[in-house]
Amino acid sequence: MNKIVAVVGMCGSGKSVATELFEKYGYQKVYFGQVTFDILKERGIERTAESEQMIREELRASGDKGIYAKIYLPKIRELFKNGNVVIESMYSWSEYKYVKQEFGDAFSVLCIATDAPLRYARLQERDYRGQTKEESMKRDYTEIENIEKGGPISIADHYITNNADIETFKLEVEQYIKSLK
């Protein structure tokens, strides 16, 4: 039976690294954040942390905090017919509920948990979308308060702590992926 796994966690926890490993094992990726990037491009707005936040909140202000899942459900259905799917950047509780209602037990959530001070340090070192500690803390609060980010994190089916080196983390993610077969 094919599977759908959403990789969730706070910014800087290691979601992208984990998602890349799922792809290495043949999972097809659906990146919820792509909608935000497409809208920014359409509008000719520079891609910054602030502009991304503006679009995320604008879409969800429509009254549907699950809008990203609604947009991507047709693509997820199509990919799921042909194999396993990994979802990156599922943020809201409403998004979780849409996907869970549609796919039931075929859908699970992997949470990547990393201590906040370590995430903030990693985000400061990023070449792409780097953030100061203050910017990272502000983003955490905004995502928890405005887009229901805590829901999928708190109900995850499995947790991997990413407080060690990258190789240890990758091994743990690969072990988890293998356990899904």
N, C-alpha and C. Protein backbone atom coordinates (compact mmCIF):
# COMPACT_ATOMS: atom_id res chain seq x y z
N MET A 1 0.83 -1.18 0.00
CA MET A 1 0.00 0.00 0.00
C MET A 1 0.88 1.25 0.00
N ASN A 2 0.55 2.21 -0.86
CA ASN A 2 1.31 3.45 -0.93
C ASN A 2 1.09 4.28 0.33
N LYS A 3 2.06 5.14 0.61
CA LYS A 3 2.03 5.95 1.82
C LYS A 3 2.22 7.43 1.48
N ILE A 4 1.69 8.26 2.37
CA ILE A 4 1.92 9.70 2.32
C ILE A 4 2.47 10.10 3.67
N VAL A 5 3.62 10.76 3.68
CA VAL A 5 4.23 11.21 4.92
C VAL A 5 4.44 12.72 4.83
N ALA A 6 3.91 13.44 5.81
CA ALA A 6 4.19 14.87 5.92
C ALA A 6 5.33 15.03 6.90
N VAL A 7 6.35 15.78 6.50
CA VAL A 7 7.48 16.08 7.37
C VAL A 7 7.24 17.48 7.94
N VAL A 8 7.08 17.55 9.26
CA VAL A 8 6.76 18.82 9.91
C VAL A 8 7.81 19.16 10.95
N GLY A 9 7.81 20.39 11.39
CA GLY A 9 8.72 20.88 12.41
C GLY A 9 8.87 22.37 12.27
N MET A 10 9.50 22.98 13.22
CA MET A 10 9.71 24.42 13.18
C MET A 10 10.83 24.75 12.20
N CYS A 11 10.88 26.00 11.80
CA CYS A 11 11.89 26.47 10.85
C CYS A 11 13.29 26.16 11.38
N GLY A 12 14.11 25.56 10.54
CA GLY A 12 15.48 25.24 10.93
C GLY A 12 15.66 23.90 11.60
N SER A 13 14.59 23.11 11.65
CA SER A 13 14.68 21.82 12.34
C SER A 13 15.33 20.73 11.50
N GLY A 14 15.27 20.86 10.17
CA GLY A 14 15.85 19.84 9.30
C GLY A 14 14.84 19.19 8.37
N LYS A 15 13.70 19.82 8.18
CA LYS A 15 12.65 19.25 7.32
C LYS A 15 13.12 19.02 5.89
N SER A 16 13.83 19.98 5.33
CA SER A 16 14.28 19.85 3.94
C SER A 16 15.25 18.70 3.77
N VAL A 17 16.16 18.54 4.72
CA VAL A 17 17.12 17.42 4.66
C VAL A 17 16.36 16.10 4.72
N ALA A 18 15.39 16.01 5.63
CA ALA A 18 14.60 14.78 5.75
C ALA A 18 13.81 14.51 4.47
N THR A 19 13.21 15.55 3.92
CA THR A 19 12.41 15.39 2.70
C THR A 19 13.28 14.90 1.55
N GLU A 20 14.49 15.44 1.43
CA GLU A 20 15.41 14.99 0.38
C GLU A 20 15.71 13.51 0.51
N LEU A 21 15.81 13.02 1.74
CA LEU A 21 16.06 11.59 1.94
C LEU A 21 14.86 10.75 1.51
N PHE A 22 13.66 11.23 1.79
CA PHE A 22 12.47 10.52 1.31
C PHE A 22 12.50 10.44 -0.22
N GLU A 23 12.87 11.53 -0.86
CA GLU A 23 12.96 11.53 -2.33
C GLU A 23 13.99 10.52 -2.81
N LYS A 24 15.10 10.43 -2.11
CA LYS A 24 16.16 9.46 -2.44
C LYS A 24 15.60 8.03 -2.42
N TYR A 25 14.63 7.79 -1.54
CA TYR A 25 14.01 6.47 -1.43
C TYR A 25 12.76 6.34 -2.29
N GLY A 26 12.60 7.23 -3.26
CA GLY A 26 11.55 7.09 -4.26
C GLY A 26 10.24 7.80 -3.97
N TYR A 27 10.16 8.51 -2.87
CA TYR A 27 8.94 9.28 -2.57
C TYR A 27 8.88 10.49 -3.51
N GLN A 28 7.68 10.80 -3.97
CA GLN A 28 7.47 11.97 -4.80
C GLN A 28 7.09 13.14 -3.90
N LYS A 29 7.73 14.28 -4.10
CA LYS A 29 7.56 15.41 -3.18
C LYS A 29 6.46 16.36 -3.63
N VAL A 30 5.67 16.79 -2.64
CA VAL A 30 4.73 17.89 -2.80
C VAL A 30 5.16 18.95 -1.79
N TYR A 31 5.53 20.11 -2.30
CA TYR A 31 6.03 21.19 -1.46
C TYR A 31 4.97 22.27 -1.35
N PHE A 32 4.27 22.31 -0.20
CA PHE A 32 3.18 23.28 -0.02
C PHE A 32 3.66 24.71 -0.20
N GLY A 33 4.89 25.00 0.16
CA GLY A 33 5.41 26.36 0.06
C GLY A 33 5.52 26.89 -1.36
N GLN A 34 5.48 26.01 -2.35
CA GLN A 34 5.62 26.45 -3.73
C GLN A 34 4.51 27.42 -4.13
N VAL A 35 3.31 27.26 -3.58
CA VAL A 35 2.21 28.18 -3.87
C VAL A 35 2.62 29.60 -3.51
N THR A 36 3.22 29.76 -2.35
CA THR A 36 3.67 31.08 -1.90
C THR A 36 4.66 31.68 -2.89
N PHE A 37 5.63 30.88 -3.31
CA PHE A 37 6.65 31.37 -4.24
C PHE A 37 6.04 31.74 -5.58
N ASP A 38 5.09 30.94 -6.06
CA ASP A 38 4.43 31.22 -7.34
C ASP A 38 3.66 32.54 -7.29
N ILE A 39 2.97 32.79 -6.19
CA ILE A 39 2.20 34.03 -6.05
C ILE A 39 3.14 35.24 -6.00
N LEU A 40 4.23 35.12 -5.26
CA LEU A 40 5.20 36.22 -5.21
C LEU A 40 5.73 36.53 -6.60
N LYS A 41 6.05 35.50 -7.35
CA LYS A 41 6.57 35.68 -8.70
C LYS A 41 5.53 36.34 -9.60
N GLU A 42 4.28 35.85 -9.53
CA GLU A 42 3.19 36.43 -10.32
C GLU A 42 3.03 37.91 -10.06
N ARG A 43 3.16 38.30 -8.80
CA ARG A 43 2.95 39.69 -8.41
C ARG A 43 4.21 40.55 -8.55
N GLY A 44 5.32 39.92 -8.90
CA GLY A 44 6.56 40.66 -9.04
C GLY A 44 7.12 41.15 -7.72
N ILE A 45 6.85 40.40 -6.65
CA ILE A 45 7.32 40.78 -5.32
C ILE A 45 8.58 39.98 -5.01
N GLU A 46 9.59 40.67 -4.48
CA GLU A 46 10.83 40.01 -4.10
C GLU A 46 10.56 38.98 -3.00
N ARG A 47 11.23 37.87 -3.11
CA ARG A 47 11.06 36.79 -2.14
C ARG A 47 11.91 37.06 -0.90
N THR A 48 11.25 37.41 0.18
CA THR A 48 11.91 37.65 1.46
C THR A 48 11.10 36.94 2.54
N ALA A 49 11.65 36.85 3.72
CA ALA A 49 10.91 36.23 4.83
C ALA A 49 9.60 36.98 5.07
N GLU A 50 9.65 38.31 4.97
CA GLU A 50 8.45 39.12 5.21
C GLU A 50 7.40 38.92 4.12
N SER A 51 7.85 38.89 2.86
CA SER A 51 6.88 38.73 1.76
C SER A 51 6.27 37.32 1.76
N GLU A 52 7.08 36.33 2.12
CA GLU A 52 6.55 34.96 2.21
C GLU A 52 5.51 34.87 3.32
N GLN A 53 5.81 35.47 4.47
CA GLN A 53 4.86 35.47 5.57
C GLN A 53 3.57 36.17 5.16
N MET A 54 3.70 37.29 4.46
CA MET A 54 2.53 38.05 4.03
C MET A 54 1.61 37.19 3.16
N ILE A 55 2.18 36.46 2.22
CA ILE A 55 1.36 35.62 1.32
C ILE A 55 0.75 34.46 2.09
N ARG A 56 1.54 33.79 2.94
CA ARG A 56 1.00 32.67 3.73
C ARG A 56 -0.21 33.12 4.55
N GLU A 57 -0.07 34.26 5.21
CA GLU A 57 -1.16 34.74 6.05
C GLU A 57 -2.32 35.25 5.22
N GLU A 58 -2.03 35.86 4.08
CA GLU A 58 -3.09 36.35 3.19
C GLU A 58 -3.95 35.19 2.68
N LEU A 59 -3.32 34.12 2.25
CA LEU A 59 -4.08 32.97 1.77
C LEU A 59 -4.94 32.38 2.87
N ARG A 60 -4.38 32.26 4.04
CA ARG A 60 -5.14 31.66 5.14
C ARG A 60 -6.19 32.62 5.71
N ALA A 61 -6.03 33.92 5.47
CA ALA A 61 -7.01 34.91 5.95
C ALA A 61 -8.33 34.79 5.20
N SER A 62 -8.34 34.01 4.13
CA SER A 62 -9.57 33.78 3.39
C SER A 62 -10.59 33.05 4.26
N GLY A 63 -10.16 32.64 5.44
CA GLY A 63 -11.03 31.91 6.34
C GLY A 63 -10.78 30.41 6.31
N ASP A 64 -9.90 29.98 5.42
CA ASP A 64 -9.60 28.56 5.30
C ASP A 64 -8.12 28.33 5.57
N LYS A 65 -7.80 27.96 6.79
CA LYS A 65 -6.40 27.74 7.15
C LYS A 65 -5.84 26.47 6.52
N GLY A 66 -6.68 25.71 5.84
CA GLY A 66 -6.23 24.52 5.14
C GLY A 66 -6.09 24.72 3.65
N ILE A 67 -6.01 25.96 3.22
CA ILE A 67 -6.02 26.29 1.80
C ILE A 67 -4.89 25.61 1.02
N TYR A 68 -3.72 25.49 1.60
CA TYR A 68 -2.61 24.86 0.90
C TYR A 68 -2.91 23.39 0.60
N ALA A 69 -3.50 22.70 1.56
CA ALA A 69 -3.86 21.30 1.34
C ALA A 69 -4.94 21.20 0.27
N LYS A 70 -5.91 22.09 0.30
CA LYS A 70 -6.97 22.08 -0.72
C LYS A 70 -6.38 22.27 -2.11
N ILE A 71 -5.45 23.20 -2.22
CA ILE A 71 -4.81 23.47 -3.52
C ILE A 71 -4.08 22.22 -4.02
N TYR A 72 -3.40 21.52 -3.11
CA TYR A 72 -2.55 20.40 -3.51
C TYR A 72 -3.21 19.03 -3.48
N LEU A 73 -4.44 18.91 -2.97
CA LEU A 73 -5.07 17.58 -2.91
C LEU A 73 -5.12 16.88 -4.27
N PRO A 74 -5.48 17.56 -5.36
CA PRO A 74 -5.48 16.84 -6.65
C PRO A 74 -4.11 16.28 -7.03
N LYS A 75 -3.06 17.06 -6.78
CA LYS A 75 -1.70 16.58 -7.10
C LYS A 75 -1.33 15.42 -6.20
N ILE A 76 -1.65 15.51 -4.91
CA ILE A 76 -1.34 14.42 -3.98
C ILE A 76 -2.07 13.15 -4.41
N ARG A 77 -3.35 13.28 -4.76
CA ARG A 77 -4.12 12.11 -5.22
C ARG A 77 -3.45 11.44 -6.42
N GLU A 78 -3.06 12.25 -7.37
CA GLU A 78 -2.45 11.72 -8.60
C GLU A 78 -1.12 11.01 -8.30
N LEU A 79 -0.27 11.64 -7.52
CA LEU A 79 1.02 11.03 -7.18
C LEU A 79 0.83 9.76 -6.35
N PHE A 80 -0.14 9.78 -5.45
CA PHE A 80 -0.41 8.66 -4.56
C PHE A 80 -0.84 7.41 -5.34
N LYS A 81 -1.52 7.61 -6.45
CA LYS A 81 -1.93 6.48 -7.29
C LYS A 81 -0.72 5.69 -7.78
N ASN A 82 0.38 6.42 -7.99
CA ASN A 82 1.56 5.81 -8.60
C ASN A 82 2.69 5.49 -7.63
N GLY A 83 2.54 5.85 -6.35
CA GLY A 83 3.63 5.57 -5.42
C GLY A 83 3.49 6.33 -4.12
N ASN A 84 4.59 6.38 -3.40
CA ASN A 84 4.63 7.05 -2.11
C ASN A 84 4.86 8.55 -2.30
N VAL A 85 4.34 9.34 -1.35
CA VAL A 85 4.40 10.80 -1.43
C VAL A 85 4.96 11.34 -0.12
N VAL A 86 5.80 12.36 -0.21
CA VAL A 86 6.26 13.10 0.96
C VAL A 86 5.80 14.54 0.79
N ILE A 87 5.23 15.09 1.86
CA ILE A 87 4.77 16.47 1.85
C ILE A 87 5.72 17.29 2.71
N GLU A 88 6.23 18.37 2.14
CA GLU A 88 7.07 19.29 2.89
C GLU A 88 6.30 20.60 3.09
N SER A 89 6.43 21.16 4.26
CA SER A 89 5.83 22.45 4.63
C SER A 89 4.33 22.39 4.86
N MET A 90 3.85 21.28 5.43
CA MET A 90 2.49 21.26 5.95
C MET A 90 2.56 22.01 7.27
N TYR A 91 1.88 23.12 7.35
CA TYR A 91 1.98 23.95 8.54
C TYR A 91 0.77 23.84 9.46
N SER A 92 -0.41 23.87 8.92
CA SER A 92 -1.57 24.10 9.78
C SER A 92 -2.32 22.82 10.17
N TRP A 93 -3.03 22.93 11.28
CA TRP A 93 -3.90 21.86 11.76
C TRP A 93 -4.97 21.57 10.72
N SER A 94 -5.50 22.61 10.08
CA SER A 94 -6.53 22.42 9.05
C SER A 94 -5.98 21.66 7.85
N GLU A 95 -4.74 21.94 7.46
CA GLU A 95 -4.12 21.20 6.36
C GLU A 95 -4.01 19.73 6.74
N TYR A 96 -3.57 19.47 7.96
CA TYR A 96 -3.47 18.09 8.44
C TYR A 96 -4.83 17.40 8.32
N LYS A 97 -5.89 18.05 8.80
CA LYS A 97 -7.21 17.42 8.82
C LYS A 97 -7.71 17.12 7.40
N TYR A 98 -7.47 18.02 6.45
CA TYR A 98 -7.88 17.76 5.06
C TYR A 98 -7.21 16.51 4.51
N VAL A 99 -5.90 16.42 4.70
CA VAL A 99 -5.15 15.29 4.15
C VAL A 99 -5.53 14.00 4.89
N LYS A 100 -5.66 14.07 6.20
CA LYS A 100 -6.01 12.88 7.00
C LYS A 100 -7.40 12.37 6.60
N GLN A 101 -8.34 13.28 6.43
CA GLN A 101 -9.70 12.89 6.03
C GLN A 101 -9.69 12.21 4.66
N GLU A 102 -8.88 12.70 3.77
CA GLU A 102 -8.82 12.16 2.40
C GLU A 102 -8.12 10.80 2.35
N PHE A 103 -7.04 10.62 3.11
CA PHE A 103 -6.19 9.44 2.94
C PHE A 103 -6.15 8.50 4.14
N GLY A 104 -6.73 8.88 5.25
CA GLY A 104 -6.83 8.00 6.40
C GLY A 104 -5.49 7.44 6.86
N ASP A 105 -5.46 6.12 7.05
CA ASP A 105 -4.26 5.46 7.58
C ASP A 105 -3.08 5.44 6.62
N ALA A 106 -3.30 5.78 5.36
CA ALA A 106 -2.18 5.86 4.41
C ALA A 106 -1.32 7.09 4.68
N PHE A 107 -1.86 8.02 5.47
CA PHE A 107 -1.19 9.29 5.76
C PHE A 107 -0.63 9.29 7.18
N SER A 108 0.63 9.70 7.32
CA SER A 108 1.23 9.85 8.64
C SER A 108 2.11 11.09 8.67
N VAL A 109 2.49 11.46 9.87
CA VAL A 109 3.28 12.68 10.08
C VAL A 109 4.57 12.34 10.81
N LEU A 110 5.67 12.81 10.26
CA LEU A 110 6.98 12.73 10.90
C LEU A 110 7.36 14.13 11.35
N CYS A 111 7.60 14.29 12.64
CA CYS A 111 8.03 15.58 13.17
C CYS A 111 9.53 15.57 13.42
N ILE A 112 10.21 16.59 12.91
CA ILE A 112 11.62 16.79 13.19
C ILE A 112 11.68 17.83 14.31
N ALA A 113 12.18 17.42 15.46
CA ALA A 113 12.24 18.30 16.62
C ALA A 113 13.68 18.67 16.91
N THR A 114 13.91 19.95 17.08
CA THR A 114 15.26 20.46 17.36
C THR A 114 15.15 21.54 18.42
N ASP A 115 16.04 21.53 19.37
CA ASP A 115 16.03 22.56 20.41
C ASP A 115 16.08 23.94 19.77
N ALA A 116 15.27 24.87 20.28
CA ALA A 116 15.16 26.20 19.71
C ALA A 116 16.51 26.92 19.60
N PRO A 117 17.36 26.94 20.61
CA PRO A 117 18.64 27.64 20.45
C PRO A 117 19.48 27.09 19.30
N LEU A 118 19.43 25.78 19.10
CA LEU A 118 20.18 25.18 18.01
C LEU A 118 19.57 25.56 16.66
N ARG A 119 18.24 25.54 16.57
CA ARG A 119 17.58 25.97 15.32
C ARG A 119 17.96 27.40 15.00
N TYR A 120 17.92 28.27 16.00
CA TYR A 120 18.24 29.67 15.76
C TYR A 120 19.68 29.85 15.29
N ALA A 121 20.59 29.09 15.86
CA ALA A 121 21.99 29.16 15.43
C ALA A 121 22.13 28.67 13.99
N ARG A 122 21.45 27.59 13.65
CA ARG A 122 21.50 27.07 12.28
C ARG A 122 20.94 28.08 11.29
N LEU A 123 19.84 28.72 11.68
CA LEU A 123 19.22 29.69 10.78
C LEU A 123 20.11 30.91 10.56
N GLN A 124 20.88 31.29 11.56
CA GLN A 124 21.81 32.41 11.40
C GLN A 124 22.92 32.07 10.40
N GLU A 125 23.27 30.79 10.30
CA GLU A 125 24.36 30.36 9.42
C GLU A 125 23.91 30.06 8.00
N ARG A 126 22.61 29.99 7.76
CA ARG A 126 22.10 29.65 6.44
C ARG A 126 22.52 30.68 5.40
N ASP A 127 22.93 30.19 4.24
CA ASP A 127 23.21 31.09 3.13
C ASP A 127 21.91 31.60 2.53
N TYR A 128 20.93 30.72 2.48
CA TYR A 128 19.65 31.04 1.87
C TYR A 128 18.61 31.26 2.97
N ARG A 129 17.96 32.36 2.97
CA ARG A 129 16.93 32.72 3.95
C ARG A 129 17.44 32.68 5.38
N GLY A 130 18.66 33.15 5.58
CA GLY A 130 19.21 33.23 6.92
C GLY A 130 18.42 34.21 7.76
N GLN A 131 18.41 33.99 9.07
CA GLN A 131 17.64 34.85 9.97
C GLN A 131 18.42 35.07 11.26
N THR A 132 18.23 36.22 11.84
CA THR A 132 18.79 36.46 13.17
C THR A 132 17.97 35.68 14.19
N LYS A 133 18.49 35.58 15.40
CA LYS A 133 17.74 34.90 16.46
C LYS A 133 16.39 35.58 16.67
N GLU A 134 16.38 36.88 16.69
CA GLU A 134 15.14 37.63 16.91
C GLU A 134 14.14 37.37 15.79
N GLU A 135 14.60 37.35 14.54
CA GLU A 135 13.72 37.07 13.40
C GLU A 135 13.17 35.65 13.49
N SER A 136 14.01 34.72 13.90
CA SER A 136 13.57 33.32 14.04
C SER A 136 12.53 33.18 15.14
N MET A 137 12.75 33.83 16.25
CA MET A 137 11.77 33.77 17.35
C MET A 137 10.45 34.38 16.91
N LYS A 138 10.52 35.50 16.21
CA LYS A 138 9.30 36.15 15.73
C LYS A 138 8.54 35.23 14.77
N ARG A 139 9.30 34.57 13.88
CA ARG A 139 8.66 33.64 12.94
C ARG A 139 7.99 32.49 13.69
N ASP A 140 8.68 31.93 14.68
CA ASP A 140 8.08 30.86 15.48
C ASP A 140 6.74 31.30 16.06
N TYR A 141 6.72 32.44 16.72
CA TYR A 141 5.49 32.93 17.35
C TYR A 141 4.39 33.15 16.31
N THR A 142 4.76 33.78 15.21
CA THR A 142 3.78 34.08 14.16
C THR A 142 3.19 32.79 13.59
N GLU A 143 4.03 31.81 13.31
CA GLU A 143 3.54 30.56 12.73
C GLU A 143 2.67 29.78 13.72
N ILE A 144 3.02 29.80 14.98
CA ILE A 144 2.22 29.10 15.99
C ILE A 144 0.88 29.80 16.18
N GLU A 145 0.91 31.13 16.30
CA GLU A 145 -0.30 31.89 16.60
C GLU A 145 -1.21 32.11 15.40
N ASN A 146 -0.63 32.33 14.22
CA ASN A 146 -1.44 32.74 13.07
C ASN A 146 -1.78 31.63 12.10
N ILE A 147 -0.98 30.56 12.07
CA ILE A 147 -1.27 29.53 11.06
C ILE A 147 -1.35 28.12 11.63
N GLU A 148 -1.64 28.01 12.91
CA GLU A 148 -1.92 26.70 13.53
C GLU A 148 -0.78 25.69 13.41
N LYS A 149 0.45 26.15 13.40
CA LYS A 149 1.57 25.25 13.13
C LYS A 149 1.75 24.17 14.18
N GLY A 150 1.32 24.41 15.40
CA GLY A 150 1.52 23.44 16.47
C GLY A 150 0.73 22.16 16.32
N GLY A 151 -0.41 22.20 15.62
CA GLY A 151 -1.26 21.02 15.51
C GLY A 151 -0.58 19.81 14.91
N PRO A 152 -0.08 19.91 13.67
CA PRO A 152 0.59 18.74 13.07
C PRO A 152 1.83 18.29 13.84
N ILE A 153 2.51 19.24 14.46
CA ILE A 153 3.70 18.89 15.25
C ILE A 153 3.29 18.07 16.47
N SER A 154 2.23 18.48 17.14
CA SER A 154 1.84 17.81 18.38
C SER A 154 1.19 16.45 18.15
N ILE A 155 0.61 16.22 16.98
CA ILE A 155 -0.08 14.94 16.72
C ILE A 155 0.74 13.98 15.87
N ALA A 156 1.99 14.31 15.63
CA ALA A 156 2.84 13.49 14.76
C ALA A 156 2.84 12.03 15.19
N ASP A 157 2.97 11.16 14.20
CA ASP A 157 3.03 9.72 14.44
C ASP A 157 4.41 9.28 14.90
N HIS A 158 5.42 10.06 14.54
CA HIS A 158 6.80 9.71 14.90
C HIS A 158 7.61 11.00 15.02
N TYR A 159 8.55 10.99 15.96
CA TYR A 159 9.42 12.15 16.18
C TYR A 159 10.88 11.72 16.04
N ILE A 160 11.64 12.57 15.39
CA ILE A 160 13.09 12.40 15.34
C ILE A 160 13.70 13.68 15.88
N THR A 161 14.57 13.55 16.85
CA THR A 161 15.26 14.71 17.41
C THR A 161 16.52 14.96 16.60
N ASN A 162 16.68 16.19 16.16
CA ASN A 162 17.82 16.57 15.34
C ASN A 162 18.70 17.57 16.09
N ASN A 163 19.33 17.08 17.15
CA ASN A 163 20.24 17.93 17.93
C ASN A 163 21.70 17.53 17.77
N ALA A 164 21.96 16.49 17.00
CA ALA A 164 23.33 16.01 16.83
C ALA A 164 23.86 16.46 15.46
N ASP A 165 24.86 15.77 14.97
CA ASP A 165 25.44 16.11 13.67
C ASP A 165 24.54 15.61 12.54
N ILE A 166 24.78 16.12 11.36
CA ILE A 166 23.93 15.83 10.19
C ILE A 166 23.94 14.36 9.81
N GLU A 167 25.06 13.69 9.95
CA GLU A 167 25.13 12.28 9.59
C GLU A 167 24.27 11.42 10.51
N THR A 168 24.31 11.71 11.79
CA THR A 168 23.46 10.99 12.75
C THR A 168 21.99 11.20 12.41
N PHE A 169 21.64 12.45 12.12
CA PHE A 169 20.27 12.78 11.75
C PHE A 169 19.83 12.01 10.49
N LYS A 170 20.66 12.03 9.47
CA LYS A 170 20.32 11.33 8.23
C LYS A 170 20.12 9.84 8.46
N LEU A 171 20.97 9.24 9.28
CA LEU A 171 20.82 7.81 9.59
C LEU A 171 19.48 7.53 10.27
N GLU A 172 19.09 8.39 11.19
CA GLU A 172 17.81 8.20 11.89
C GLU A 172 16.63 8.34 10.92
N VAL A 173 16.71 9.31 10.03
CA VAL A 173 15.63 9.49 9.05
C VAL A 173 15.57 8.28 8.11
N GLU A 174 16.71 7.82 7.65
CA GLU A 174 16.74 6.65 6.76
C GLU A 174 16.19 5.41 7.46
N GLN A 175 16.51 5.23 8.73
CA GLN A 175 15.97 4.09 9.48
C GLN A 175 14.44 4.19 9.54
N TYR A 176 13.94 5.39 9.76
CA TYR A 176 12.49 5.57 9.81
C TYR A 176 11.85 5.25 8.46
N ILE A 177 12.44 5.77 7.39
CA ILE A 177 11.89 5.52 6.04
C ILE A 177 11.85 4.00 5.78
N LYS A 178 12.92 3.32 6.10
CA LYS A 178 12.96 1.86 5.90
C LYS A 178 11.90 1.14 6.74
N SER A 179 11.58 1.69 7.89
CA SER A 179 10.58 1.04 8.76
C SER A 179 9.17 1.16 8.19
N LEU A 180 8.97 2.06 7.24
CA LEU A 180 7.64 2.26 6.66
C LEU A 180 7.28 1.19 5.63
N LYS A 181 8.25 0.44 5.17
CA LYS A 181 8.00 -0.55 4.11
C LYS A 181 7.21 -1.73 4.62
